[in-house]
Amino acid sequence: MVTIKDVAEKAGVSPSTVSRVISDSPRISEKTKEKVRLAMKELGYHPNAIARSLVNKTTKTIGIVMPRSAEHVFLNPFFPEALRGIAKCAHDEEYCLLLTTGNTEKEQMESLNSIVFGGRVDGLILMYSRVNDAILNKVMELNLPFSMIGRPYNDENINFVDNDNVKSAYEATNFLIKKGHRRIGLINGSLNLVVSLDRFEGYKKALIENKIELDESLLTSSDFVQQGGYDCMKIILSSPKPPTAVLVTDDLMAFGAIRAARELSFKVPQDISILSFNNIPLAEHATPPLSSVDINAYKLGFEAARLVIDEIMGRNEEKQKIIVETKLISRKTVANYKAK
C-alpha cells in the first residue's frame, strides 16, 4: 500500500509537504504541488478521505434530501436528471454525494439527523420545496450550508434555484388559449408543494386576463406519478362539459392522462389537447409526441450544487437566488380548437 512517505520520497519533499499539497495549502508553491501530484499519480496514491476529514474538519460530501423514499422518487425522471446535474458539479469540485431518504417525515428527520450529527456532510441540498416543511425548518436550525431546488414558501434568506413557475404556467395556458381553447382543465401536483401552487397561479392569471371563468370542476391534483394523472383525467372527463384542453404539471402524469382519455374514447389531440411540464426524454417518443415545457432539470441540479459548495467554500457572503429559464416545446398533443 502506497504511503505519504513513498510519495514524499519520489517527489523529493517532506511528508508534511505532501500533506499540505493534499489539503491544497496556499503556503505551497504551484510548482511543488505539480511535482507532488505527479508523484501521487505515478504511484497510484489516493489520500485517505477519513484521515483528511479529521485533519481538515471537512468531509467533501454533500447530503441530498429527497422528498420521500428513493424507491418512489426515482420513478419520476425529473429527479435522476436533477441529480445528474448535482453529480456533475460535485465531481468538478471533488465532492461526493450522500442520499438521505425516508417514507415518512419522521424517517426523513431521523435520516437527516444521522448524517448531520454524525459529521458525514459539509452541506445539504433539498430536492423540493414544500409548504410549512418541518424538514426545512430543521435544516435552517442546524446552521449548515444548504440550498434547495424550488422557491421557499416564505421568502426566507435561503440559497435556492428554481424556474419562474408562475410565468411558465401562465405562458403555457396562454399557448392553449391562442389555439382557440377556452375550457382548459388543470391536472396539478400535490398542493403542499410550492411548485404546484405557483403553476396554479400562472394558470389562473392567464384565464383571468383572457376573461375565462375559472371552473373548479376542471381542477384536480395528485402526486407526480402516472396513476395520479390517469385518475385526475378520469375525473375531469366525467364533467358534464369536458374541457377541450388540459394543462398537466408533470410529464409522467400526462402519460397517465393520455391513457385515461383513450379509455374514454377521447382522441389526443383531435378531441382533447394536452400540454405538460418537464420535457423528460420520453416525451418526444410518446404516442403522440408530448408537447411539454422544458424546465432544464439538469441545470436546476447543477446550480443547486454550485450554490451550496460556494457557501461551504466561503465564495458567497450573501444568499443567492437563481431562476432557470423554461422553454415550451410544441409537439403533437396540442391542436387548434374549432367549435363543432
Protein backbone atom coordinates (compact mmCIF):
# COMPACT_ATOMS: atom_id res chain seq x y z
CA MET A 1 0.00 0.00 0.00
CA VAL A 2 1.47 3.35 -1.07
CA THR A 3 2.01 5.83 1.80
CA ILE A 4 2.65 9.55 2.11
CA LYS A 5 6.29 8.73 2.82
CA ASP A 6 6.56 6.94 -0.54
CA VAL A 7 5.12 9.96 -2.32
CA ALA A 8 7.43 12.33 -0.42
CA GLU A 9 10.48 10.27 -1.32
CA LYS A 10 9.58 10.13 -5.02
CA ALA A 11 8.80 13.87 -5.17
CA GLY A 12 11.88 14.82 -3.14
CA VAL A 13 9.91 16.64 -0.44
CA SER A 14 8.97 16.06 3.19
CA PRO A 15 5.86 14.07 4.20
CA SER A 16 4.42 17.25 5.76
CA THR A 17 4.71 18.99 2.38
CA VAL A 18 2.75 16.14 0.78
CA SER A 19 0.04 16.58 3.43
CA ARG A 20 -0.15 20.30 2.71
CA VAL A 21 -0.45 19.61 -1.03
CA ILE A 22 -3.31 17.19 -0.36
CA SER A 23 -5.14 19.89 1.62
CA ASP A 24 -4.28 22.44 -1.13
CA SER A 25 -2.44 24.74 1.27
CA PRO A 26 -1.68 28.20 -0.17
CA ARG A 27 1.74 28.01 1.57
CA ILE A 28 2.95 25.52 -1.05
CA SER A 29 4.03 26.78 -4.49
CA GLU A 30 2.22 25.61 -7.63
CA LYS A 31 5.49 24.10 -8.91
CA THR A 32 5.83 21.92 -5.79
CA LYS A 33 2.13 20.99 -5.93
CA GLU A 34 2.50 19.82 -9.53
CA LYS A 35 5.57 17.74 -8.63
CA VAL A 36 3.83 16.07 -5.69
CA ARG A 37 0.61 15.43 -7.62
CA LEU A 38 2.60 13.83 -10.44
CA ALA A 39 4.30 11.54 -7.92
CA MET A 40 0.90 10.63 -6.44
CA LYS A 41 -0.43 9.81 -9.88
CA GLU A 42 2.56 7.71 -10.87
CA LEU A 43 2.44 5.74 -7.61
CA GLY A 44 -1.35 5.40 -7.66
CA TYR A 45 -1.68 7.08 -4.27
CA HIS A 46 -5.16 8.07 -3.06
CA PRO A 47 -5.47 10.16 0.14
CA ASN A 48 -7.45 8.58 2.95
CA ALA A 49 -10.72 10.52 2.98
CA ILE A 50 -11.40 9.81 6.65
CA ALA A 51 -7.94 10.94 7.69
CA ARG A 52 -8.30 14.08 5.60
CA SER A 53 -11.65 14.91 7.14
CA LEU A 54 -10.17 14.62 10.64
CA VAL A 55 -7.34 16.98 9.75
CA ASN A 56 -9.35 19.49 7.70
CA LYS A 57 -12.63 19.12 9.60
CA THR A 58 -14.41 18.66 6.27
CA THR A 59 -15.95 15.61 4.62
CA LYS A 60 -16.05 16.82 0.99
CA THR A 61 -19.55 15.33 0.93
CA ILE A 62 -22.95 16.90 0.19
CA GLY A 63 -26.13 15.39 1.62
CA ILE A 64 -29.13 15.15 -0.72
CA VAL A 65 -32.53 15.38 0.99
CA MET A 66 -35.15 13.65 -1.15
CA PRO A 67 -38.89 14.38 -0.83
CA ARG A 68 -39.70 10.78 0.08
CA SER A 69 -38.23 7.30 -0.31
CA ALA A 70 -35.83 6.92 -3.23
CA GLU A 71 -37.87 3.89 -4.32
CA HIS A 72 -40.74 6.20 -5.34
CA VAL A 73 -38.71 9.28 -6.26
CA PHE A 74 -36.75 7.57 -9.00
CA LEU A 75 -39.94 6.62 -10.81
CA ASN A 76 -40.09 10.25 -11.93
CA PRO A 77 -37.29 11.14 -14.41
CA PHE A 78 -37.05 14.69 -13.03
CA PHE A 79 -35.05 13.51 -10.03
CA PRO A 80 -32.40 11.43 -11.85
CA GLU A 81 -31.91 14.32 -14.28
CA ALA A 82 -31.55 16.89 -11.48
CA LEU A 83 -29.20 14.51 -9.66
CA ARG A 84 -27.13 14.21 -12.83
CA GLY A 85 -26.61 17.98 -12.70
CA ILE A 86 -25.75 17.85 -9.00
CA ALA A 87 -23.30 14.99 -9.60
CA LYS A 88 -21.55 16.88 -12.41
CA CYS A 89 -20.97 19.98 -10.28
CA ALA A 90 -19.95 17.88 -7.25
CA HIS A 91 -17.47 15.91 -9.37
CA ASP A 92 -15.96 19.11 -10.76
CA GLU A 93 -15.45 20.37 -7.21
CA GLU A 94 -14.26 16.94 -5.93
CA TYR A 95 -17.26 16.41 -3.65
CA CYS A 96 -19.13 13.16 -3.01
CA LEU A 97 -22.89 12.78 -2.59
CA LEU A 98 -24.89 11.08 0.15
CA LEU A 99 -28.63 10.49 -0.28
CA THR A 100 -30.94 10.73 2.70
CA THR A 101 -34.44 9.30 2.35
CA GLY A 102 -37.48 8.27 4.35
CA ASN A 103 -41.02 7.06 3.71
CA THR A 104 -42.41 9.41 6.36
CA GLU A 105 -41.43 12.79 7.75
CA LYS A 106 -40.21 11.05 10.92
CA GLU A 107 -37.96 8.72 8.91
CA GLN A 108 -36.66 11.67 6.88
CA MET A 109 -35.84 13.52 10.09
CA GLU A 110 -34.04 10.51 11.55
CA SER A 111 -32.01 10.07 8.36
CA LEU A 112 -31.17 13.78 8.31
CA ASN A 113 -30.06 13.77 11.95
CA SER A 114 -27.92 10.71 11.30
CA ILE A 115 -25.85 12.28 8.53
CA VAL A 116 -25.61 15.77 10.08
CA PHE A 117 -24.87 14.90 13.70
CA GLY A 118 -22.67 12.04 12.52
CA GLY A 119 -20.48 14.67 10.87
CA ARG A 120 -20.86 12.99 7.48
CA VAL A 121 -21.64 16.05 5.31
CA ASP A 122 -20.43 19.63 4.83
CA GLY A 123 -23.72 20.84 3.39
CA LEU A 124 -27.16 19.82 2.15
CA ILE A 125 -29.37 20.13 -0.94
CA LEU A 126 -33.15 19.85 -0.56
CA MET A 127 -34.62 18.45 -3.79
CA TYR A 128 -38.03 20.05 -3.25
CA SER A 129 -39.89 22.95 -1.61
CA ARG A 130 -42.93 22.16 0.50
CA VAL A 131 -45.41 24.34 2.37
CA ASN A 132 -44.69 24.51 6.13
CA ASP A 133 -41.96 21.87 5.90
CA ALA A 134 -40.59 20.56 9.20
CA ILE A 135 -37.50 19.22 7.39
CA LEU A 136 -36.64 22.69 6.05
CA ASN A 137 -37.19 24.21 9.50
CA LYS A 138 -34.81 21.63 10.96
CA VAL A 139 -32.18 22.27 8.28
CA MET A 140 -32.33 26.01 9.00
CA GLU A 141 -31.82 25.33 12.72
CA LEU A 142 -28.69 23.27 12.01
CA ASN A 143 -26.80 26.31 10.71
CA LEU A 144 -25.24 24.16 7.99
CA PRO A 145 -24.70 25.42 4.42
CA PHE A 146 -27.60 24.31 2.21
CA SER A 147 -29.50 25.08 -0.96
CA MET A 148 -32.81 23.91 -2.34
CA ILE A 149 -34.43 23.20 -5.68
CA GLY A 150 -37.65 25.18 -5.53
CA ARG A 151 -38.72 28.56 -4.23
CA PRO A 152 -39.11 28.66 -0.44
CA TYR A 153 -42.78 29.04 0.53
CA ASN A 154 -41.94 32.02 2.73
CA ASP A 155 -39.28 34.33 1.34
CA GLU A 156 -36.61 33.30 3.82
CA ASN A 157 -32.97 34.18 3.22
CA ILE A 158 -32.15 30.85 1.55
CA ASN A 159 -29.96 29.70 -1.35
CA PHE A 160 -32.35 28.34 -3.98
CA VAL A 161 -32.68 27.62 -7.67
CA ASP A 162 -35.99 27.35 -9.47
CA ASN A 163 -37.91 28.15 -12.63
CA ASP A 164 -40.38 31.01 -12.67
CA ASN A 165 -43.27 28.59 -12.37
CA VAL A 166 -45.96 31.28 -12.31
CA LYS A 167 -44.65 32.72 -15.57
CA SER A 168 -44.17 29.35 -17.29
CA ALA A 169 -47.68 28.12 -16.40
CA TYR A 170 -49.10 31.48 -17.47
CA GLU A 171 -47.35 31.18 -20.86
CA ALA A 172 -48.40 27.54 -21.26
CA THR A 173 -52.06 28.38 -20.56
CA ASN A 174 -51.91 31.32 -22.97
CA PHE A 175 -50.49 28.98 -25.60
CA LEU A 176 -53.61 26.82 -25.30
CA ILE A 177 -55.88 29.88 -25.34
CA LYS A 178 -54.23 31.14 -28.54
CA LYS A 179 -55.01 27.74 -30.07
CA GLY A 180 -58.68 28.54 -29.50
CA HIS A 181 -59.24 26.66 -26.22
CA ARG A 182 -61.39 28.27 -23.54
CA ARG A 183 -62.35 25.25 -21.43
CA ILE A 184 -58.93 24.28 -20.08
CA GLY A 185 -58.56 21.72 -17.31
CA LEU A 186 -55.65 21.55 -14.85
CA ILE A 187 -54.03 18.37 -13.55
CA ASN A 188 -51.74 19.69 -10.85
CA GLY A 189 -49.24 18.12 -8.46
CA SER A 190 -49.69 17.85 -4.72
CA LEU A 191 -50.86 21.17 -3.31
CA ASN A 192 -48.42 21.04 -0.40
CA LEU A 193 -45.60 21.66 -2.93
CA VAL A 194 -44.73 25.25 -3.80
CA VAL A 195 -44.23 24.37 -7.47
CA SER A 196 -47.88 23.25 -7.68
CA LEU A 197 -49.15 26.44 -6.05
CA ASP A 198 -47.07 28.61 -8.39
CA ARG A 199 -48.23 26.79 -11.52
CA PHE A 200 -51.85 27.14 -10.41
CA GLU A 201 -51.30 30.90 -10.00
CA GLY A 202 -49.93 31.15 -13.55
CA TYR A 203 -52.84 29.13 -14.96
CA LYS A 204 -55.37 31.25 -13.09
CA LYS A 205 -53.70 34.52 -14.15
CA ALA A 206 -53.95 33.57 -17.85
CA LEU A 207 -57.63 32.68 -17.53
CA ILE A 208 -58.46 35.94 -15.74
CA GLU A 209 -56.59 38.09 -18.28
CA ASN A 210 -58.48 36.38 -21.10
CA LYS A 211 -61.82 36.76 -19.28
CA ILE A 212 -62.28 32.99 -18.97
CA GLU A 213 -64.23 31.82 -15.93
CA LEU A 214 -62.39 29.50 -13.56
CA ASP A 215 -64.35 26.23 -13.45
CA GLU A 216 -63.47 24.28 -10.30
CA SER A 217 -64.83 21.06 -11.80
CA LEU A 218 -61.82 21.16 -14.14
CA LEU A 219 -59.24 21.48 -11.34
CA THR A 220 -57.58 18.34 -9.97
CA SER A 221 -54.35 17.44 -8.16
CA SER A 222 -52.39 14.32 -7.24
CA ASP A 223 -48.85 13.04 -6.73
CA PHE A 224 -46.39 13.37 -9.61
CA VAL A 225 -46.92 9.78 -10.80
CA GLN A 226 -48.60 8.26 -13.84
CA GLN A 227 -51.52 6.84 -11.85
CA GLY A 228 -52.24 10.31 -10.46
CA GLY A 229 -52.60 11.73 -13.96
CA TYR A 230 -54.78 8.81 -15.00
CA ASP A 231 -57.16 9.25 -12.04
CA CYS A 232 -57.34 13.03 -12.46
CA MET A 233 -58.13 12.81 -16.17
CA LYS A 234 -60.95 10.35 -15.48
CA ILE A 235 -62.45 12.90 -13.07
CA ILE A 236 -62.09 15.83 -15.48
CA LEU A 237 -63.56 13.97 -18.45
CA SER A 238 -66.56 12.88 -16.40
CA SER A 239 -67.60 16.55 -16.17
CA PRO A 240 -70.96 17.31 -17.88
CA LYS A 241 -69.00 19.72 -20.06
CA PRO A 242 -65.47 18.28 -20.51
CA PRO A 243 -62.55 20.58 -21.37
CA THR A 244 -61.05 20.79 -24.85
CA ALA A 245 -57.54 21.04 -23.43
CA VAL A 246 -55.75 20.10 -20.21
CA LEU A 247 -52.60 21.58 -18.69
CA VAL A 248 -50.73 18.85 -16.79
CA THR A 249 -47.90 19.88 -14.45
CA ASP A 250 -45.77 16.75 -14.94
CA ASP A 251 -44.98 14.52 -17.94
CA LEU A 252 -45.49 11.24 -16.07
CA MET A 253 -48.94 12.43 -15.05
CA ALA A 254 -49.56 13.41 -18.69
CA PHE A 255 -48.82 9.84 -19.83
CA GLY A 256 -51.46 8.62 -17.39
CA ALA A 257 -53.87 11.31 -18.58
CA ILE A 258 -53.45 10.25 -22.22
CA ARG A 259 -54.16 6.63 -21.27
CA ALA A 260 -57.33 7.65 -19.41
CA ALA A 261 -58.51 9.79 -22.35
CA ARG A 262 -58.09 6.87 -24.74
CA GLU A 263 -60.01 4.51 -22.47
CA LEU A 264 -62.86 7.01 -22.51
CA SER A 265 -62.71 7.19 -26.34
CA PHE A 266 -61.21 10.69 -26.47
CA LYS A 267 -58.59 11.14 -29.19
CA VAL A 268 -55.45 13.20 -28.47
CA PRO A 269 -55.28 15.89 -29.80
CA GLN A 270 -58.40 15.72 -32.00
CA ASP A 271 -60.84 15.62 -29.06
CA ILE A 272 -58.62 16.90 -26.25
CA SER A 273 -55.26 18.69 -26.27
CA ILE A 274 -52.65 18.01 -23.60
CA LEU A 275 -49.73 20.26 -22.64
CA SER A 276 -47.35 19.21 -19.89
CA PHE A 277 -44.23 20.14 -17.90
CA ASN A 278 -40.65 18.80 -17.54
CA ASN A 279 -39.94 17.64 -21.13
CA ILE A 280 -38.42 14.36 -19.97
CA PRO A 281 -36.57 12.33 -22.66
CA LEU A 282 -39.57 10.01 -23.14
CA ALA A 283 -41.86 12.94 -24.04
CA GLU A 284 -40.80 13.10 -27.69
CA HIS A 285 -41.19 9.32 -28.02
CA ALA A 286 -44.74 9.21 -26.65
CA THR A 287 -47.69 8.44 -28.94
CA PRO A 288 -48.43 11.10 -30.00
CA PRO A 289 -45.23 13.03 -29.08
CA LEU A 290 -46.00 15.10 -25.99
CA SER A 291 -45.96 18.91 -26.00
CA SER A 292 -44.14 19.93 -22.84
CA VAL A 293 -42.42 22.82 -21.06
CA ASP A 294 -38.69 22.14 -20.73
CA ILE A 295 -37.66 23.15 -17.20
CA ASN A 296 -33.97 22.16 -17.59
CA ALA A 297 -33.81 19.80 -14.60
CA TYR A 298 -30.09 19.19 -15.19
CA LYS A 299 -29.29 22.89 -14.74
CA LEU A 300 -31.55 23.12 -11.69
CA GLY A 301 -29.47 20.38 -10.08
CA PHE A 302 -26.10 21.77 -11.21
CA GLU A 303 -26.86 25.26 -9.89
CA ALA A 304 -28.19 23.92 -6.58
CA ALA A 305 -24.90 22.09 -6.05
CA ARG A 306 -22.87 25.14 -7.05
CA LEU A 307 -24.77 27.32 -4.57
CA VAL A 308 -24.14 25.07 -1.57
CA ILE A 309 -20.49 24.40 -2.47
CA ASP A 310 -19.89 28.14 -2.93
CA GLU A 311 -21.28 28.72 0.56
CA ILE A 312 -19.15 25.93 2.04
CA MET A 313 -16.05 27.38 0.39
CA GLY A 314 -16.89 30.92 1.51
CA ARG A 315 -17.24 32.25 -2.03
CA ASN A 316 -20.57 33.99 -1.43
CA GLU A 317 -21.32 36.21 1.54
CA GLU A 318 -25.00 36.62 0.68
CA LYS A 319 -27.63 34.03 -0.17
CA GLN A 320 -28.23 33.50 -3.89
CA LYS A 321 -31.46 33.06 -5.88
CA ILE A 322 -31.15 31.62 -9.38
CA ILE A 323 -34.02 31.40 -11.89
CA VAL A 324 -33.56 28.91 -14.73
CA GLU A 325 -35.39 29.75 -17.95
CA THR A 326 -38.04 27.40 -19.38
CA LYS A 327 -38.97 26.69 -23.00
CA LEU A 328 -42.27 25.40 -24.36
CA ILE A 329 -41.66 22.51 -26.77
CA SER A 330 -44.63 22.12 -29.13
CA ARG A 331 -45.15 18.60 -30.49
CA LYS A 332 -48.30 16.67 -31.43
CA THR A 333 -50.60 16.63 -28.37
CA VAL A 334 -51.96 20.16 -28.87
CA ALA A 335 -54.25 21.10 -31.75
CA ASN A 336 -56.25 24.17 -32.71
CA TYR A 337 -59.76 24.08 -31.31
CA LYS A 338 -62.63 24.52 -33.70
CA ALA A 339 -66.11 24.73 -32.23
CA LYS A 340 -68.35 21.97 -33.53
